[in-house]
Amino acid sequence: MTPLRVGLVGAGPWAAGFHAPLLAAGPETELVAVWARRPEAAAALAQAHAAQAVDDLDELVELVDAIALAVPPDVQADLVERLAPSGRALLLEKPLGLDLAQAQRIADVVAAHDVPTMLLLTNRYSSRVRAFLAEARSSSPMGSVATTVNGAILDGGPFSTPWRREHGALLDVGPHVLDLIEAAVGPIDSVRADGDPLRMCALTVRHESGAVSQATLSLVCPDTARSPFRVYTATGPLELDLVHEGDTDVHGTIRADLARIARTRVPHELDVRHGLHLQRLLHAAVS
């Protein structure tokens, strides 16, 4: 099948290190165009992947069948309002926005134009993680404990970007953790956050089933190599390491899923509605 033509919006470290290599690798997708607020960055990234740098978003839209966004959450909210009327499928970053209002704006405009969407919750595209979640769900889970503690936003860290340094762990890794907790243990009834997202914070999650889960989050603790996620079940504990550099199938699954939703228009499990649900949980946690 002809590769899906994809445009990339953004040319920062995450776009260069993840999105561009993923989309350019094929065979499911082809990176054909890059746009960024810094034209020189867009040009360099496009050249590295045999793509075309474009001067404005309208030009990018005309060249592609789908668009991947690799921009800060508040920028994403504004750009989706411009891109959604094109009907092009969108690969969205998490969180959808910096707050619930921005996330709702994205969800509303996507719904108004019937746009296929996928949320880049990278763990969920790993066959290893999917198998773990399926086993947990089928084993009468009683609760879970997740730890995502690292130094990612310390000076020189791979994700030391302005919005992460300003808002901390809850907005950045909170969506990942809440998504996995709910996928493993069941629908979430309530969530409460304690502590300081800029240092270390804790989540207490109550599930509709009566199960209870907890999570500890920090992006300013150096020399932390593991991110364990343990689910306690009726048949014993299950443990998963959320560090997934060895999961070689993630990129291919993302490409294949993006091509599928762009062509069939069939909603993805991890679409904008799921992103809005996660944003509502984050909002409730600090309300």
C-alpha atoms as a PDB file:
ATOM      1  CA  MET A   1       0.000   0.000   0.000  1.00  0.00           C
ATOM      2  CA  THR A   2       1.209   3.530  -0.739  1.00  0.00           C
ATOM      3  CA  PRO A   3       2.663   5.130   2.415  1.00  0.00           C
ATOM      4  CA  LEU A   4       0.489   7.665   4.188  1.00  0.00           C
ATOM      5  CA  ARG A   5       1.783  11.188   3.529  1.00  0.00           C
ATOM      6  CA  VAL A   6       2.396  12.856   6.904  1.00  0.00           C
ATOM      7  CA  GLY A   7       3.336  16.394   7.829  1.00  0.00           C
ATOM      8  CA  LEU A   8       5.149  17.224  11.057  1.00  0.00           C
ATOM      9  CA  VAL A   9       4.363  20.388  13.017  1.00  0.00           C
ATOM     10  CA  GLY A  10       7.258  21.237  15.317  1.00  0.00           C
ATOM     11  CA  ALA A  11      11.020  20.817  15.091  1.00  0.00           C
ATOM     12  CA  GLY A  12      12.181  20.712  18.702  1.00  0.00           C
ATOM     13  CA  PRO A  13      14.104  17.912  20.465  1.00  0.00           C
ATOM     14  CA  TRP A  14      11.089  15.566  20.721  1.00  0.00           C
ATOM     15  CA  ALA A  15      10.167  16.122  17.075  1.00  0.00           C
ATOM     16  CA  ALA A  16      13.751  15.472  15.994  1.00  0.00           C
ATOM     17  CA  GLY A  17      14.377  12.525  18.290  1.00  0.00           C
ATOM     18  CA  PHE A  18      11.031  10.722  18.036  1.00  0.00           C
ATOM     19  CA  HIS A  19       8.438  11.960  15.549  1.00  0.00           C
ATOM     20  CA  ALA A  20      10.592  12.573  12.491  1.00  0.00           C
ATOM     21  CA  PRO A  21      12.551   9.278  12.578  1.00  0.00           C
ATOM     22  CA  LEU A  22       9.343   7.356  13.282  1.00  0.00           C
ATOM     23  CA  LEU A  23       7.350   8.874  10.431  1.00  0.00           C
ATOM     24  CA  ALA A  24      10.204   8.769   7.933  1.00  0.00           C
ATOM     25  CA  ALA A  25      11.056   5.111   8.517  1.00  0.00           C
ATOM     26  CA  GLY A  26       7.995   3.705   6.748  1.00  0.00           C
ATOM     27  CA  PRO A  27       6.671   1.639   5.156  1.00  0.00           C
ATOM     28  CA  GLU A  28       3.310   2.677   6.581  1.00  0.00           C
ATOM     29  CA  THR A  29       4.056   6.407   6.530  1.00  0.00           C
ATOM     30  CA  GLU A  30       6.221   8.895   4.667  1.00  0.00           C
ATOM     31  CA  LEU A  31       7.371  12.178   6.196  1.00  0.00           C
ATOM     32  CA  VAL A  32       6.822  14.673   3.385  1.00  0.00           C
ATOM     33  CA  ALA A  33       6.720  18.111   5.056  1.00  0.00           C
ATOM     34  CA  VAL A  34       7.831  19.928   8.203  1.00  0.00           C
ATOM     35  CA  TRP A  35       6.609  23.249   9.590  1.00  0.00           C
ATOM     36  CA  ALA A  36       7.831  24.960  12.766  1.00  0.00           C
ATOM     37  CA  ARG A  37       7.753  28.386  14.330  1.00  0.00           C
ATOM     38  CA  ARG A  38      11.514  28.517  13.728  1.00  0.00           C
ATOM     39  CA  PRO A  39      12.000  28.122   9.957  1.00  0.00           C
ATOM     40  CA  GLU A  40      15.675  27.263  10.315  1.00  0.00           C
ATOM     41  CA  ALA A  41      14.840  24.348  12.626  1.00  0.00           C
ATOM     42  CA  ALA A  42      12.163  23.093  10.240  1.00  0.00           C
ATOM     43  CA  ALA A  43      14.615  23.261   7.337  1.00  0.00           C
ATOM     44  CA  ALA A  44      17.309  21.315   9.189  1.00  0.00           C
ATOM     45  CA  LEU A  45      14.901  18.597  10.323  1.00  0.00           C
ATOM     46  CA  ALA A  46      13.302  18.265   6.900  1.00  0.00           C
ATOM     47  CA  GLN A  47      16.688  17.976   5.209  1.00  0.00           C
ATOM     48  CA  ALA A  48      17.748  15.227   7.648  1.00  0.00           C
ATOM     49  CA  HIS A  49      14.785  13.102   6.587  1.00  0.00           C
ATOM     50  CA  ALA A  50      14.469  13.932   2.879  1.00  0.00           C
ATOM     51  CA  ALA A  51      11.306  15.954   3.517  1.00  0.00           C
ATOM     52  CA  GLN A  52      10.250  19.453   2.491  1.00  0.00           C
ATOM     53  CA  ALA A  53      10.281  22.436   4.850  1.00  0.00           C
ATOM     54  CA  VAL A  54       7.244  24.662   4.298  1.00  0.00           C
ATOM     55  CA  ASP A  55       6.641  28.281   5.195  1.00  0.00           C
ATOM     56  CA  ASP A  56       3.064  28.071   6.445  1.00  0.00           C
ATOM     57  CA  LEU A  57       0.545  25.553   7.734  1.00  0.00           C
ATOM     58  CA  ASP A  58      -1.767  25.849   4.739  1.00  0.00           C
ATOM     59  CA  GLU A  59       1.039  24.663   2.470  1.00  0.00           C
ATOM     60  CA  LEU A  60       1.709  21.693   4.750  1.00  0.00           C
ATOM     61  CA  VAL A  61      -1.981  20.718   4.821  1.00  0.00           C
ATOM     62  CA  GLU A  62      -2.143  20.621   1.030  1.00  0.00           C
ATOM     63  CA  LEU A  63       0.768  18.187   0.847  1.00  0.00           C
ATOM     64  CA  VAL A  64      -0.356  15.566   3.386  1.00  0.00           C
ATOM     65  CA  ASP A  65      -3.023  13.100   4.477  1.00  0.00           C
ATOM     66  CA  ALA A  66      -2.210  13.294   8.209  1.00  0.00           C
ATOM     67  CA  ILE A  67      -0.454  15.685  10.574  1.00  0.00           C
ATOM     68  CA  ALA A  68       1.659  14.926  13.648  1.00  0.00           C
ATOM     69  CA  LEU A  69       2.030  17.645  16.280  1.00  0.00           C
ATOM     70  CA  ALA A  70       5.195  17.872  18.390  1.00  0.00           C
ATOM     71  CA  VAL A  71       4.648  21.176  20.176  1.00  0.00           C
ATOM     72  CA  PRO A  72       3.923  22.391  23.733  1.00  0.00           C
ATOM     73  CA  PRO A  73       0.363  21.755  24.961  1.00  0.00           C
ATOM     74  CA  ASP A  74      -0.811  25.378  24.796  1.00  0.00           C
ATOM     75  CA  VAL A  75       0.557  25.717  21.261  1.00  0.00           C
ATOM     76  CA  GLN A  76      -1.154  22.471  20.298  1.00  0.00           C
ATOM     77  CA  ALA A  77      -4.536  23.870  21.362  1.00  0.00           C
ATOM     78  CA  ASP A  78      -4.150  26.870  19.057  1.00  0.00           C
ATOM     79  CA  LEU A  79      -2.811  24.869  16.110  1.00  0.00           C
ATOM     80  CA  VAL A  80      -5.498  22.195  16.212  1.00  0.00           C
ATOM     81  CA  GLU A  81      -8.128  24.919  15.809  1.00  0.00           C
ATOM     82  CA  ARG A  82      -6.376  25.903  12.571  1.00  0.00           C
ATOM     83  CA  LEU A  83      -5.770  22.359  11.323  1.00  0.00           C
ATOM     84  CA  ALA A  84      -9.004  20.552  12.171  1.00  0.00           C
ATOM     85  CA  PRO A  85     -11.130  22.150   9.404  1.00  0.00           C
ATOM     86  CA  SER A  86      -8.894  20.393   6.855  1.00  0.00           C
ATOM     87  CA  GLY A  87     -10.164  17.017   8.045  1.00  0.00           C
ATOM     88  CA  ARG A  88      -6.627  15.611   8.083  1.00  0.00           C
ATOM     89  CA  ALA A  89      -5.978  12.878  10.675  1.00  0.00           C
ATOM     90  CA  LEU A  90      -4.064  14.204  13.692  1.00  0.00           C
ATOM     91  CA  LEU A  91      -1.418  12.549  15.863  1.00  0.00           C
ATOM     92  CA  LEU A  92      -1.680  14.543  19.084  1.00  0.00           C
ATOM     93  CA  GLU A  93       0.652  15.009  22.035  1.00  0.00           C
ATOM     94  CA  LYS A  94      -0.330  14.563  25.642  1.00  0.00           C
ATOM     95  CA  PRO A  95      -1.534  16.358  27.609  1.00  0.00           C
ATOM     96  CA  LEU A  96      -3.963  17.858  25.129  1.00  0.00           C
ATOM     97  CA  GLY A  97      -3.560  21.281  26.752  1.00  0.00           C
ATOM     98  CA  LEU A  98      -2.099  22.986  29.777  1.00  0.00           C
ATOM     99  CA  ASP A  99      -5.543  23.032  31.371  1.00  0.00           C
ATOM    100  CA  LEU A 100      -8.984  21.542  30.930  1.00  0.00           C
ATOM    101  CA  ALA A 101     -10.284  24.515  28.941  1.00  0.00           C
ATOM    102  CA  GLN A 102      -7.585  24.067  26.282  1.00  0.00           C
ATOM    103  CA  ALA A 103      -8.243  20.334  26.110  1.00  0.00           C
ATOM    104  CA  GLN A 104     -11.965  20.954  25.706  1.00  0.00           C
ATOM    105  CA  ARG A 105     -11.270  23.393  22.844  1.00  0.00           C
ATOM    106  CA  ILE A 106      -9.324  20.714  21.011  1.00  0.00           C
ATOM    107  CA  ALA A 107     -11.969  18.053  21.577  1.00  0.00           C
ATOM    108  CA  ASP A 108     -14.754  20.378  20.430  1.00  0.00           C
ATOM    109  CA  VAL A 109     -13.110  21.451  17.173  1.00  0.00           C
ATOM    110  CA  VAL A 110     -12.058  17.881  16.355  1.00  0.00           C
ATOM    111  CA  ALA A 111     -15.626  16.678  16.907  1.00  0.00           C
ATOM    112  CA  ALA A 112     -17.054  19.522  14.828  1.00  0.00           C
ATOM    113  CA  HIS A 113     -14.970  18.488  11.823  1.00  0.00           C
ATOM    114  CA  ASP A 114     -15.069  14.707  12.404  1.00  0.00           C
ATOM    115  CA  VAL A 115     -11.272  14.454  12.468  1.00  0.00           C
ATOM    116  CA  PRO A 116      -9.599  11.069  13.159  1.00  0.00           C
ATOM    117  CA  THR A 117      -7.155  11.400  16.055  1.00  0.00           C
ATOM    118  CA  MET A 118      -4.569   9.430  18.007  1.00  0.00           C
ATOM    119  CA  LEU A 119      -2.910  10.394  21.279  1.00  0.00           C
ATOM    120  CA  LEU A 120       0.799   9.644  21.604  1.00  0.00           C
ATOM    121  CA  LEU A 121       0.659   7.601  24.807  1.00  0.00           C
ATOM    122  CA  THR A 122       3.795   5.728  23.800  1.00  0.00           C
ATOM    123  CA  ASN A 123       3.490   2.891  26.339  1.00  0.00           C
ATOM    124  CA  ARG A 124       0.181   1.786  24.877  1.00  0.00           C
ATOM    125  CA  TYR A 125       1.683   0.978  21.460  1.00  0.00           C
ATOM    126  CA  SER A 126       4.059  -1.629  22.921  1.00  0.00           C
ATOM    127  CA  SER A 127       3.018  -5.272  22.568  1.00  0.00           C
ATOM    128  CA  ARG A 128       4.813  -5.982  25.851  1.00  0.00           C
ATOM    129  CA  VAL A 129       2.713  -3.390  27.672  1.00  0.00           C
ATOM    130  CA  ARG A 130      -0.496  -4.494  25.961  1.00  0.00           C
ATOM    131  CA  ALA A 131       0.082  -8.102  27.008  1.00  0.00           C
ATOM    132  CA  PHE A 132       0.728  -6.988  30.592  1.00  0.00           C
ATOM    133  CA  LEU A 133      -2.468  -4.920  30.697  1.00  0.00           C
ATOM    134  CA  ALA A 134      -4.529  -7.781  29.289  1.00  0.00           C
ATOM    135  CA  GLU A 135      -3.155 -10.145  31.931  1.00  0.00           C
ATOM    136  CA  ALA A 136      -3.830  -7.632  34.697  1.00  0.00           C
ATOM    137  CA  ARG A 137      -7.428  -7.034  33.613  1.00  0.00           C
ATOM    138  CA  SER A 138      -8.136 -10.756  33.476  1.00  0.00           C
ATOM    139  CA  SER A 139      -6.665 -11.464  36.917  1.00  0.00           C
ATOM    140  CA  SER A 140      -9.151  -9.627  39.187  1.00  0.00           C
ATOM    141  CA  PRO A 141      -6.940  -6.599  39.966  1.00  0.00           C
ATOM    142  CA  MET A 142      -7.237  -5.164  43.476  1.00  0.00           C
ATOM    143  CA  GLY A 143      -5.050  -2.109  42.967  1.00  0.00           C
ATOM    144  CA  SER A 144      -1.720  -0.904  41.663  1.00  0.00           C
ATOM    145  CA  VAL A 145       1.375   1.116  42.523  1.00  0.00           C
ATOM    146  CA  ALA A 146       3.249   3.105  39.864  1.00  0.00           C
ATOM    147  CA  THR A 147       6.534   4.985  40.203  1.00  0.00           C
ATOM    148  CA  THR A 148       7.706   7.393  37.527  1.00  0.00           C
ATOM    149  CA  VAL A 149      10.636   9.210  39.080  1.00  0.00           C
ATOM    150  CA  ASN A 150      13.574  10.515  37.040  1.00  0.00           C
ATOM    151  CA  GLY A 151      15.661  13.601  36.250  1.00  0.00           C
ATOM    152  CA  ALA A 152      14.192  14.322  32.827  1.00  0.00           C
ATOM    153  CA  ILE A 153      13.764  18.073  33.342  1.00  0.00           C
ATOM    154  CA  LEU A 154      16.991  18.769  35.203  1.00  0.00           C
ATOM    155  CA  ASP A 155      19.507  20.923  33.334  1.00  0.00           C
ATOM    156  CA  GLY A 156      20.675  18.957  30.344  1.00  0.00           C
ATOM    157  CA  GLY A 157      17.857  16.443  30.673  1.00  0.00           C
ATOM    158  CA  PRO A 158      16.200  15.113  27.515  1.00  0.00           C
ATOM    159  CA  PHE A 159      12.866  16.791  28.270  1.00  0.00           C
ATOM    160  CA  SER A 160      14.057  19.969  29.954  1.00  0.00           C
ATOM    161  CA  THR A 161      11.634  22.210  28.068  1.00  0.00           C
ATOM    162  CA  PRO A 162      10.013  25.424  29.375  1.00  0.00           C
ATOM    163  CA  TRP A 163       6.477  24.054  29.813  1.00  0.00           C
ATOM    164  CA  ARG A 164       7.691  20.952  31.678  1.00  0.00           C
ATOM    165  CA  ARG A 165       9.917  23.014  33.973  1.00  0.00           C
ATOM    166  CA  GLU A 166       6.986  25.349  34.677  1.00  0.00           C
ATOM    167  CA  HIS A 167       4.310  22.696  35.293  1.00  0.00           C
ATOM    168  CA  GLY A 168       6.251  19.627  36.405  1.00  0.00           C
ATOM    169  CA  ALA A 169       5.506  15.932  36.556  1.00  0.00           C
ATOM    170  CA  LEU A 170       1.736  15.879  36.952  1.00  0.00           C
ATOM    171  CA  LEU A 171       0.948  17.320  33.512  1.00  0.00           C
ATOM    172  CA  ASP A 172       3.815  15.574  31.731  1.00  0.00           C
ATOM    173  CA  VAL A 173       3.805  11.985  33.021  1.00  0.00           C
ATOM    174  CA  GLY A 174       0.442  12.107  34.787  1.00  0.00           C
ATOM    175  CA  PRO A 175      -1.491  11.238  31.593  1.00  0.00           C
ATOM    176  CA  HIS A 176       0.732   8.198  30.976  1.00  0.00           C
ATOM    177  CA  VAL A 177       0.358   6.914  34.514  1.00  0.00           C
ATOM    178  CA  LEU A 178      -3.378   7.485  34.866  1.00  0.00           C
ATOM    179  CA  ASP A 179      -3.960   5.877  31.461  1.00  0.00           C
ATOM    180  CA  LEU A 180      -2.041   2.740  32.460  1.00  0.00           C
ATOM    181  CA  ILE A 181      -3.610   2.524  35.913  1.00  0.00           C
ATOM    182  CA  GLU A 182      -7.085   2.699  34.419  1.00  0.00           C
ATOM    183  CA  ALA A 183      -6.253   0.258  31.617  1.00  0.00           C
ATOM    184  CA  ALA A 184      -4.906  -2.276  34.132  1.00  0.00           C
ATOM    185  CA  VAL A 185      -7.253  -1.927  37.095  1.00  0.00           C
ATOM    186  CA  GLY A 186     -10.474  -0.508  35.648  1.00  0.00           C
ATOM    187  CA  PRO A 187     -12.456   2.749  35.362  1.00  0.00           C
ATOM    188  CA  ILE A 188     -11.359   5.519  37.724  1.00  0.00           C
ATOM    189  CA  ASP A 189     -13.941   7.025  40.053  1.00  0.00           C
ATOM    190  CA  SER A 190     -11.765   9.724  41.649  1.00  0.00           C
ATOM    191  CA  VAL A 191      -8.182  10.894  41.883  1.00  0.00           C
ATOM    192  CA  ARG A 192      -6.367  13.164  44.334  1.00  0.00           C
ATOM    193  CA  ALA A 193      -2.903  14.711  44.017  1.00  0.00           C
ATOM    194  CA  ASP A 194      -0.682  15.613  46.973  1.00  0.00           C
ATOM    195  CA  GLY A 195       2.742  17.196  47.111  1.00  0.00           C
ATOM    196  CA  ASP A 196       4.518  19.489  44.670  1.00  0.00           C
ATOM    197  CA  PRO A 197       4.523  18.620  40.927  1.00  0.00           C
ATOM    198  CA  LEU A 198       7.755  20.607  40.550  1.00  0.00           C
ATOM    199  CA  ARG A 199       9.481  18.336  43.075  1.00  0.00           C
ATOM    200  CA  MET A 200       7.564  15.160  43.895  1.00  0.00           C
ATOM    201  CA  CYS A 201       3.853  14.459  43.959  1.00  0.00           C
ATOM    202  CA  ALA A 202       1.655  11.488  44.743  1.00  0.00           C
ATOM    203  CA  LEU A 203      -1.667  10.372  43.281  1.00  0.00           C
ATOM    204  CA  THR A 204      -4.315   8.386  45.097  1.00  0.00           C
ATOM    205  CA  VAL A 205      -6.760   6.769  42.693  1.00  0.00           C
ATOM    206  CA  ARG A 206     -10.063   5.148  43.569  1.00  0.00           C
ATOM    207  CA  HIS A 207     -11.626   2.844  40.998  1.00  0.00           C
ATOM    208  CA  GLU A 208     -15.296   2.193  40.394  1.00  0.00           C
ATOM    209  CA  SER A 209     -14.680  -1.420  41.448  1.00  0.00           C
ATOM    210  CA  GLY A 210     -13.487  -0.311  44.892  1.00  0.00           C
ATOM    211  CA  ALA A 211      -9.839  -0.950  44.044  1.00  0.00           C
ATOM    212  CA  VAL A 212      -7.266   1.653  45.075  1.00  0.00           C
ATOM    213  CA  SER A 213      -4.109   2.639  43.195  1.00  0.00           C
ATOM    214  CA  GLN A 214      -1.235   4.971  44.008  1.00  0.00           C
ATOM    215  CA  ALA A 215       1.463   6.687  41.964  1.00  0.00           C
ATOM    216  CA  THR A 216       4.583   8.706  42.746  1.00  0.00           C
ATOM    217  CA  LEU A 217       5.775  11.210  40.131  1.00  0.00           C
ATOM    218  CA  SER A 218       8.884  13.371  39.817  1.00  0.00           C
ATOM    219  CA  LEU A 219      11.030  14.712  36.990  1.00  0.00           C
ATOM    220  CA  VAL A 220      13.820  16.179  39.143  1.00  0.00           C
ATOM    221  CA  CYS A 221      15.386  13.092  40.756  1.00  0.00           C
ATOM    222  CA  PRO A 222      18.670  12.143  39.046  1.00  0.00           C
ATOM    223  CA  ASP A 223      20.100   8.670  38.497  1.00  0.00           C
ATOM    224  CA  THR A 224      16.772   6.824  38.509  1.00  0.00           C
ATOM    225  CA  ALA A 225      16.796   4.144  35.839  1.00  0.00           C
ATOM    226  CA  ARG A 226      13.568   2.195  36.426  1.00  0.00           C
ATOM    227  CA  SER A 227       9.874   3.085  36.381  1.00  0.00           C
ATOM    228  CA  PRO A 228       8.124   0.091  37.971  1.00  0.00           C
ATOM    229  CA  PHE A 229       4.364  -0.453  37.697  1.00  0.00           C
ATOM    230  CA  ARG A 230       2.979  -3.187  39.942  1.00  0.00           C
ATOM    231  CA  VAL A 231      -0.592  -4.496  39.804  1.00  0.00           C
ATOM    232  CA  TYR A 232      -1.869  -6.585  42.709  1.00  0.00           C
ATOM    233  CA  THR A 233      -4.300  -9.271  41.597  1.00  0.00           C
ATOM    234  CA  ALA A 234      -6.209 -12.227  43.045  1.00  0.00           C
ATOM    235  CA  THR A 235      -3.525 -14.524  41.629  1.00  0.00           C
ATOM    236  CA  GLY A 236      -0.504 -12.525  42.782  1.00  0.00           C
ATOM    237  CA  PRO A 237       1.422  -9.375  41.824  1.00  0.00           C
ATOM    238  CA  LEU A 238       2.353  -8.470  38.262  1.00  0.00           C
ATOM    239  CA  GLU A 239       5.201  -6.028  37.545  1.00  0.00           C
ATOM    240  CA  LEU A 240       6.117  -4.042  34.461  1.00  0.00           C
ATOM    241  CA  ASP A 241       9.043  -1.696  33.860  1.00  0.00           C
ATOM    242  CA  LEU A 242       7.746   1.367  31.991  1.00  0.00           C
ATOM    243  CA  VAL A 243      11.153   2.110  30.483  1.00  0.00           C
ATOM    244  CA  HIS A 244      10.533   0.802  26.956  1.00  0.00           C
ATOM    245  CA  GLU A 245      13.604   1.610  24.877  1.00  0.00           C
ATOM    246  CA  GLY A 246      13.842  -2.080  23.962  1.00  0.00           C
ATOM    247  CA  ASP A 247      10.284  -2.276  22.632  1.00  0.00           C
ATOM    248  CA  THR A 248      11.122  -2.244  18.940  1.00  0.00           C
ATOM    249  CA  ASP A 249       7.500  -2.577  17.814  1.00  0.00           C
ATOM    250  CA  VAL A 250       6.300   0.776  19.186  1.00  0.00           C
ATOM    251  CA  HIS A 251       7.203   2.877  16.136  1.00  0.00           C
ATOM    252  CA  GLY A 252       5.705   0.452  13.663  1.00  0.00           C
ATOM    253  CA  THR A 253       2.469   0.172  15.627  1.00  0.00           C
ATOM    254  CA  ILE A 254       2.081   3.944  15.778  1.00  0.00           C
ATOM    255  CA  ARG A 255       2.659   4.239  12.028  1.00  0.00           C
ATOM    256  CA  ALA A 256       0.241   1.425  11.208  1.00  0.00           C
ATOM    257  CA  ASP A 257      -2.482   2.794  13.496  1.00  0.00           C
ATOM    258  CA  LEU A 258      -2.106   6.306  12.107  1.00  0.00           C
ATOM    259  CA  ALA A 259      -2.374   5.049   8.539  1.00  0.00           C
ATOM    260  CA  ARG A 260      -5.429   2.983   9.455  1.00  0.00           C
ATOM    261  CA  ILE A 261      -7.432   5.778  11.092  1.00  0.00           C
ATOM    262  CA  ALA A 262      -6.520   8.258   8.349  1.00  0.00           C
ATOM    263  CA  ARG A 263      -7.823   5.890   5.664  1.00  0.00           C
ATOM    264  CA  THR A 264     -10.800   4.275   7.394  1.00  0.00           C
ATOM    265  CA  ARG A 265     -11.867   7.203   9.636  1.00  0.00           C
ATOM    266  CA  VAL A 266     -12.661   4.573  12.297  1.00  0.00           C
ATOM    267  CA  PRO A 267     -12.041   6.041  15.791  1.00  0.00           C
ATOM    268  CA  HIS A 268      -8.931   4.928  17.653  1.00  0.00           C
ATOM    269  CA  GLU A 269      -9.079   3.665  21.230  1.00  0.00           C
ATOM    270  CA  LEU A 270      -6.599   6.378  22.249  1.00  0.00           C
ATOM    271  CA  ASP A 271      -8.264   9.308  20.506  1.00  0.00           C
ATOM    272  CA  VAL A 272      -8.988  12.895  21.501  1.00  0.00           C
ATOM    273  CA  ARG A 273     -11.913  11.788  23.671  1.00  0.00           C
ATOM    274  CA  HIS A 274      -9.573   9.650  25.735  1.00  0.00           C
ATOM    275  CA  GLY A 275      -7.170  12.568  25.988  1.00  0.00           C
ATOM    276  CA  LEU A 276      -9.985  14.788  27.274  1.00  0.00           C
ATOM    277  CA  HIS A 277     -10.934  12.099  29.806  1.00  0.00           C
ATOM    278  CA  LEU A 278      -7.350  12.031  31.111  1.00  0.00           C
ATOM    279  CA  GLN A 279      -7.272  15.831  31.282  1.00  0.00           C
ATOM    280  CA  ARG A 280     -10.462  15.799  33.337  1.00  0.00           C
ATOM    281  CA  LEU A 281      -8.833  13.373  35.761  1.00  0.00           C
ATOM    282  CA  LEU A 282      -5.779  15.648  36.059  1.00  0.00           C
ATOM    283  CA  HIS A 283      -8.045  18.640  36.647  1.00  0.00           C
ATOM    284  CA  ALA A 284     -10.016  16.770  39.310  1.00  0.00           C
ATOM    285  CA  ALA A 285      -6.817  15.678  41.045  1.00  0.00           C
ATOM    286  CA  VAL A 286      -5.887  19.254  41.959  1.00  0.00           C
ATOM    287  CA  SER A 287      -9.398  20.738  42.347  1.00  0.00           C
END
